[in-house]
Structures are given as structure tokens and as C-alpha cells.
Protein backbone atom coordinates (compact mmCIF):
# COMPACT_ATOMS: atom_id res chain seq x y z
CA MET A 1 0.00 0.00 0.00
CA GLY A 2 1.05 3.56 -0.57
CA VAL A 3 0.66 6.56 -2.79
CA ALA A 4 0.80 6.37 -6.57
CA GLY A 5 4.33 5.85 -7.81
CA CYS A 6 5.73 4.30 -4.62
CA GLY A 7 6.41 1.01 -6.41
CA LYS A 8 3.41 -1.14 -5.49
CA THR A 9 3.45 -3.01 -8.79
CA SER A 10 7.17 -3.61 -9.27
CA ILE A 11 7.78 -4.36 -5.60
CA GLY A 12 4.62 -6.47 -5.28
CA GLU A 13 5.52 -8.54 -8.34
CA ALA A 14 9.08 -9.09 -7.12
CA PHE A 15 7.90 -10.01 -3.63
CA ALA A 16 5.32 -12.44 -5.02
CA ARG A 17 7.93 -14.13 -7.24
CA LEU A 18 10.33 -14.47 -4.31
CA THR A 19 7.72 -15.94 -1.98
CA GLY A 20 5.79 -18.07 -4.49
CA SER A 21 2.73 -15.88 -4.01
CA THR A 22 0.23 -14.57 -6.53
CA TYR A 23 0.34 -10.88 -7.41
CA VAL A 24 -2.78 -8.95 -8.40
CA ASP A 25 -2.53 -5.32 -9.50
CA GLY A 26 -5.25 -3.38 -7.71
CA ASP A 27 -5.37 -0.92 -10.61
CA ALA A 28 -6.92 -3.70 -12.72
CA LEU A 29 -9.79 -3.90 -10.21
CA HIS A 30 -10.83 -0.25 -10.59
CA PRO A 31 -14.15 0.39 -12.32
CA THR A 32 -13.59 2.06 -15.69
CA CYS A 33 -15.25 5.24 -14.39
CA ASN A 34 -12.52 5.53 -11.71
CA ILE A 35 -9.74 5.13 -14.27
CA ALA A 36 -11.40 7.70 -16.54
CA LYS A 37 -11.72 10.14 -13.65
CA MET A 38 -8.06 9.79 -12.64
CA SER A 39 -6.96 9.99 -16.29
CA ARG A 40 -8.70 13.37 -16.47
CA GLY A 41 -6.63 14.49 -13.48
CA GLU A 42 -9.50 14.29 -11.00
CA ALA A 43 -8.85 12.77 -7.58
CA LEU A 44 -11.14 9.98 -6.45
CA CYS A 45 -13.41 10.65 -3.50
CA ASP A 46 -14.32 8.09 -0.85
CA ALA A 47 -17.53 7.15 -2.66
CA ASP A 48 -15.51 6.36 -5.80
CA ARG A 49 -13.30 3.97 -3.87
CA TRP A 50 -15.78 1.77 -1.97
CA LEU A 51 -16.58 -0.69 -4.77
CA TRP A 52 -12.92 -0.88 -5.70
CA LEU A 53 -11.86 -1.59 -2.12
CA ALA A 54 -14.55 -4.27 -1.87
CA ALA A 55 -13.13 -5.87 -5.03
CA VAL A 56 -9.64 -5.84 -3.52
CA GLY A 57 -10.96 -7.54 -0.38
CA GLN A 58 -12.88 -10.10 -2.43
CA VAL A 59 -9.73 -11.03 -4.36
CA LEU A 60 -7.90 -11.58 -1.10
CA ALA A 61 -10.82 -13.54 0.37
CA THR A 62 -11.31 -15.89 -2.57
CA ARG A 63 -7.73 -16.73 -3.55
CA GLN A 64 -6.03 -19.80 -2.15
CA GLY A 65 -2.64 -19.31 -0.52
CA VAL A 66 -0.88 -16.03 -0.05
CA THR A 67 -1.98 -13.30 -2.40
CA VAL A 68 -0.30 -9.94 -2.79
CA VAL A 69 -2.51 -7.10 -4.02
CA GLY A 70 -1.08 -3.72 -4.89
CA CYS A 71 -3.58 -1.18 -3.58
CA SER A 72 -3.14 2.39 -2.36
CA ALA A 73 -5.30 1.83 0.79
CA LEU A 74 -4.40 5.36 1.83
CA LYS A 75 -6.84 5.75 4.71
CA ARG A 76 -7.49 3.55 7.70
CA ALA A 77 -11.16 3.36 6.64
CA TYR A 78 -10.04 1.92 3.30
CA ARG A 79 -7.90 -0.71 5.00
CA ASP A 80 -10.80 -1.48 7.35
CA ARG A 81 -13.05 -2.01 4.32
CA ILE A 82 -10.56 -4.48 2.84
CA ARG A 83 -10.26 -6.34 6.16
CA LYS A 84 -14.05 -6.50 6.44
CA GLU A 85 -14.36 -8.01 2.96
CA VAL A 86 -11.64 -10.55 3.69
CA GLY A 87 -13.06 -11.54 7.06
CA ALA A 88 -9.59 -12.52 8.26
CA PRO A 89 -6.35 -10.76 9.17
CA VAL A 90 -4.66 -8.79 6.40
CA THR A 91 -1.06 -7.65 6.61
CA PHE A 92 -0.42 -4.30 4.96
CA VAL A 93 3.05 -3.35 3.73
CA TYR A 94 3.27 0.43 3.63
CA LEU A 95 5.74 1.51 0.96
CA ALA A 96 6.99 4.84 2.26
CA GLY A 97 8.87 7.47 0.33
CA THR A 98 9.31 11.21 0.15
CA ARG A 99 7.15 13.26 -2.16
CA GLU A 100 10.28 14.26 -4.12
CA LEU A 101 11.38 10.65 -4.70
CA ILE A 102 7.93 9.48 -5.72
CA ALA A 103 7.31 12.50 -7.95
CA ALA A 104 10.57 11.76 -9.78
CA ARG A 105 9.51 8.14 -10.29
CA MET A 106 6.07 9.15 -11.54
CA ALA A 107 7.59 11.68 -13.95
CA ALA A 108 9.85 8.96 -15.37
CA ARG A 109 7.13 6.38 -16.02
CA SER A 110 4.92 6.30 -19.06
CA GLY A 111 1.64 4.68 -19.98
CA HIS A 112 0.02 4.91 -16.54
CA PHE A 113 -3.38 6.57 -16.11
CA MET A 114 -2.45 8.36 -12.87
CA PRO A 115 -1.01 11.81 -13.64
CA LEU A 116 1.70 13.38 -11.53
CA LYS A 117 -0.63 16.27 -10.66
CA LEU A 118 -2.68 13.94 -8.42
CA LEU A 119 0.27 12.99 -6.22
CA ASP A 120 -0.33 15.82 -3.76
CA SER A 121 -3.95 14.70 -3.27
CA GLN A 122 -2.65 11.22 -2.41
CA PHE A 123 -0.22 12.53 0.19
CA ALA A 124 -2.95 14.81 1.58
CA ILE A 125 -5.23 11.90 2.49
CA LEU A 126 -2.52 9.37 3.42
CA GLU A 127 -2.98 7.97 6.92
CA ILE A 128 0.09 5.98 7.90
CA PRO A 129 -0.98 2.63 9.38
CA GLY A 130 -1.20 2.65 13.15
CA PRO A 131 0.52 0.15 15.44
CA ASP A 132 -2.74 -1.78 15.86
CA GLU A 133 -3.23 -2.34 12.12
CA HIS A 134 -0.98 -5.36 11.54
CA ALA A 135 1.21 -3.43 9.11
CA VAL A 136 4.88 -2.94 8.40
CA MET A 137 6.55 0.09 6.88
CA VAL A 138 9.39 -0.15 4.41
CA ASP A 139 11.21 2.80 2.86
CA VAL A 140 11.41 2.62 -0.94
CA ASP A 141 14.49 4.84 -1.37
CA ARG A 142 16.77 1.95 -2.33
CA PRO A 143 17.10 -0.61 -5.13
CA LEU A 144 14.20 -3.01 -5.72
CA GLY A 145 16.00 -6.09 -4.35
CA GLU A 146 16.84 -4.29 -1.13
CA VAL A 147 13.24 -3.13 -0.70
CA VAL A 148 11.94 -6.67 -1.18
CA ALA A 149 14.53 -8.04 1.26
CA ALA A 150 13.47 -5.39 3.80
CA ILE A 151 9.84 -6.46 3.41
CA VAL A 152 10.72 -10.11 3.98
CA MET A 153 12.71 -9.16 7.11
CA ALA A 154 9.97 -6.87 8.45
CA LEU A 155 7.31 -9.53 7.94
CA LYS A 156 9.45 -12.18 9.66
CA GLU A 157 9.89 -9.85 12.64
CA LYS A 158 6.16 -9.07 12.68
CA MET A 159 5.23 -12.77 12.67
CA ALA A 160 7.79 -13.70 15.36
């Protein structure tokens, strides 16, 4: 979880490969109206997100084994919605980074519907997971392999 451009897809895919998990890109679960809205440079509101968050939770609830879903889940209420849909514990990995780092990454990517001008709206609503949320935080300001290794270590510590 994290703001647009933090690396949810590339990190999630690498983590899933390493752990033998299945990766699902949460962007693929968005209703077309949400994608169209973001493509126009309009931030989603809470009402826009509820069906999408339910879909994320349903994917997690119906898949066998460990599933990794890349999803912004920026607010605690969004994470609560996912947990409610799953009906079981969900571990969130918060991919943290500075606005400057993430803006540079977004500016360098092409072909994604989320424009750089929406990044500030993402940071504005971001609620960092609290200690009671069964989450770990990993900084994304290092190479991909190091980020994935940090996630594995953080999850091992969390489960111990």
C-alpha cells in the first residue's frame, strides 16, 4: 500500500515471485469510471473507492494461498473495508517514500493513467498505518532487491 508511484506493482511482483505468491494489481480492479476520472486528473473521493476496495478484499478472500494485491489503501477506513471483505487478518506493507522521490519516479514512467498532478492529493489523504493495524513500513528509497529483502525481514519480525 502507498501513494501512486511508490512502487506497489514492481515491488509487489518481485515479492510475489520471491515468496511463491500470486500478485494482483489493484489498478486492474478499478471500475472504468474511476480510471477515466483519474486519467482526467480528478482525484477519487471516498464514494468512488468503496466498490474498488470491496473488489480488492474479495480477491484476497477468494484466492487460495498467499496473495499480494497492490492497492493504495491510503486511509485507515479503506484498510478497514478491505479487512471487512476478507473476514480474516490482512497484513499491509506500507511503501513509504518522500514526495520528491515518488514525484521523480512518476515523472519517469509512461503509460500509466495516474497523472503526476494527483500525487499531492494522495499525500494529503494518506494515513500511515497505526501500530494496531498489523502493518509494516518499508522505505522505498533503495534498489528493488533491497526493498523486497526489507519487506521479507519486516514480515518475519512481525510474525515472530
